[in-house]
Amino acid sequence: MTDAQIGLLTATPLIVVFAIMLYRMGVLRLTGTLTAVAMSVAIAGVLFLTQ
C-alpha cells in the first residue's frame, strides 16, 4: 500500500465525520451532507484504485 492510499484511507473518514458534524450543528442540510459524503467516498475509491 502506497503513502497516497494510506492518506486516502485516513482523510476520507475525517471528511465524512466533519460533514456529519456540520449537519448536526445545522450548517449543512441533509442533501448537502449526503452529497459531500457520497462524493468524498467516490473520489477516494477512484483514486485508491488508480494508485
C-alpha atoms as a PDB file:
ATOM      1  CA  MET A   1       0.000   0.000   0.000  1.00  0.00           C
ATOM      2  CA  THR A   2       1.428   3.358  -1.019  1.00  0.00           C
ATOM      3  CA  ASP A   3       1.569   6.518   1.041  1.00  0.00           C
ATOM      4  CA  ALA A   4      -1.158   8.050  -1.125  1.00  0.00           C
ATOM      5  CA  GLN A   5      -3.519   5.160  -0.408  1.00  0.00           C
ATOM      6  CA  ILE A   6      -2.856   5.409   3.318  1.00  0.00           C
ATOM      7  CA  GLY A   7      -3.591   9.125   3.113  1.00  0.00           C
ATOM      8  CA  LEU A   8      -6.883   8.437   1.343  1.00  0.00           C
ATOM      9  CA  LEU A   9      -7.859   5.878   3.984  1.00  0.00           C
ATOM     10  CA  THR A  10      -7.097   8.461   6.661  1.00  0.00           C
ATOM     11  CA  ALA A  11      -8.608  11.569   5.098  1.00  0.00           C
ATOM     12  CA  THR A  12     -11.886  10.158   3.785  1.00  0.00           C
ATOM     13  CA  PRO A  13     -13.331   9.136   7.179  1.00  0.00           C
ATOM     14  CA  LEU A  14     -12.321  12.522   8.565  1.00  0.00           C
ATOM     15  CA  ILE A  15     -14.218  14.284   5.783  1.00  0.00           C
ATOM     16  CA  VAL A  16     -17.275  12.109   6.439  1.00  0.00           C
ATOM     17  CA  VAL A  17     -17.172  12.783  10.192  1.00  0.00           C
ATOM     18  CA  PHE A  18     -16.714  16.507   9.579  1.00  0.00           C
ATOM     19  CA  ALA A  19     -19.707  16.605   7.215  1.00  0.00           C
ATOM     20  CA  ILE A  20     -21.874  14.778   9.762  1.00  0.00           C
ATOM     21  CA  MET A  21     -20.779  17.182  12.499  1.00  0.00           C
ATOM     22  CA  LEU A  22     -21.682  20.156  10.306  1.00  0.00           C
ATOM     23  CA  TYR A  23     -25.096  18.602   9.672  1.00  0.00           C
ATOM     24  CA  ARG A  24     -25.685  18.121  13.405  1.00  0.00           C
ATOM     25  CA  MET A  25     -24.720  21.737  14.064  1.00  0.00           C
ATOM     26  CA  GLY A  26     -27.236  22.878  11.451  1.00  0.00           C
ATOM     27  CA  VAL A  27     -24.704  24.240   8.990  1.00  0.00           C
ATOM     28  CA  LEU A  28     -25.447  21.709   6.221  1.00  0.00           C
ATOM     29  CA  ARG A  29     -28.748  20.377   5.008  1.00  0.00           C
ATOM     30  CA  LEU A  30     -29.280  16.646   4.698  1.00  0.00           C
ATOM     31  CA  THR A  31     -28.870  16.713   0.914  1.00  0.00           C
ATOM     32  CA  GLY A  32     -25.594  18.627   1.205  1.00  0.00           C
ATOM     33  CA  THR A  33     -24.321  16.187   3.796  1.00  0.00           C
ATOM     34  CA  LEU A  34     -25.245  13.164   1.715  1.00  0.00           C
ATOM     35  CA  THR A  35     -23.673  14.716  -1.366  1.00  0.00           C
ATOM     36  CA  ALA A  36     -20.436  15.515   0.476  1.00  0.00           C
ATOM     37  CA  VAL A  37     -20.211  12.011   1.918  1.00  0.00           C
ATOM     38  CA  ALA A  38     -21.046  10.282  -1.372  1.00  0.00           C
ATOM     39  CA  MET A  39     -18.635  12.375  -3.423  1.00  0.00           C
ATOM     40  CA  SER A  40     -15.752  12.020  -0.975  1.00  0.00           C
ATOM     41  CA  VAL A  41     -16.206   8.233  -0.868  1.00  0.00           C
ATOM     42  CA  ALA A  42     -16.486   8.047  -4.664  1.00  0.00           C
ATOM     43  CA  ILE A  43     -13.410  10.209  -5.247  1.00  0.00           C
ATOM     44  CA  ALA A  44     -11.402   8.286  -2.658  1.00  0.00           C
ATOM     45  CA  GLY A  45     -12.466   4.987  -4.225  1.00  0.00           C
ATOM     46  CA  VAL A  46     -11.414   6.051  -7.716  1.00  0.00           C
ATOM     47  CA  LEU A  47      -8.101   7.484  -6.513  1.00  0.00           C
ATOM     48  CA  PHE A  48      -7.414   4.441  -4.344  1.00  0.00           C
ATOM     49  CA  LEU A  49      -7.941   2.040  -7.223  1.00  0.00           C
ATOM     50  CA  THR A  50      -5.897   4.060  -9.722  1.00  0.00           C
ATOM     51  CA  GLN A  51      -2.843   4.499  -7.478  1.00  0.00           C
END
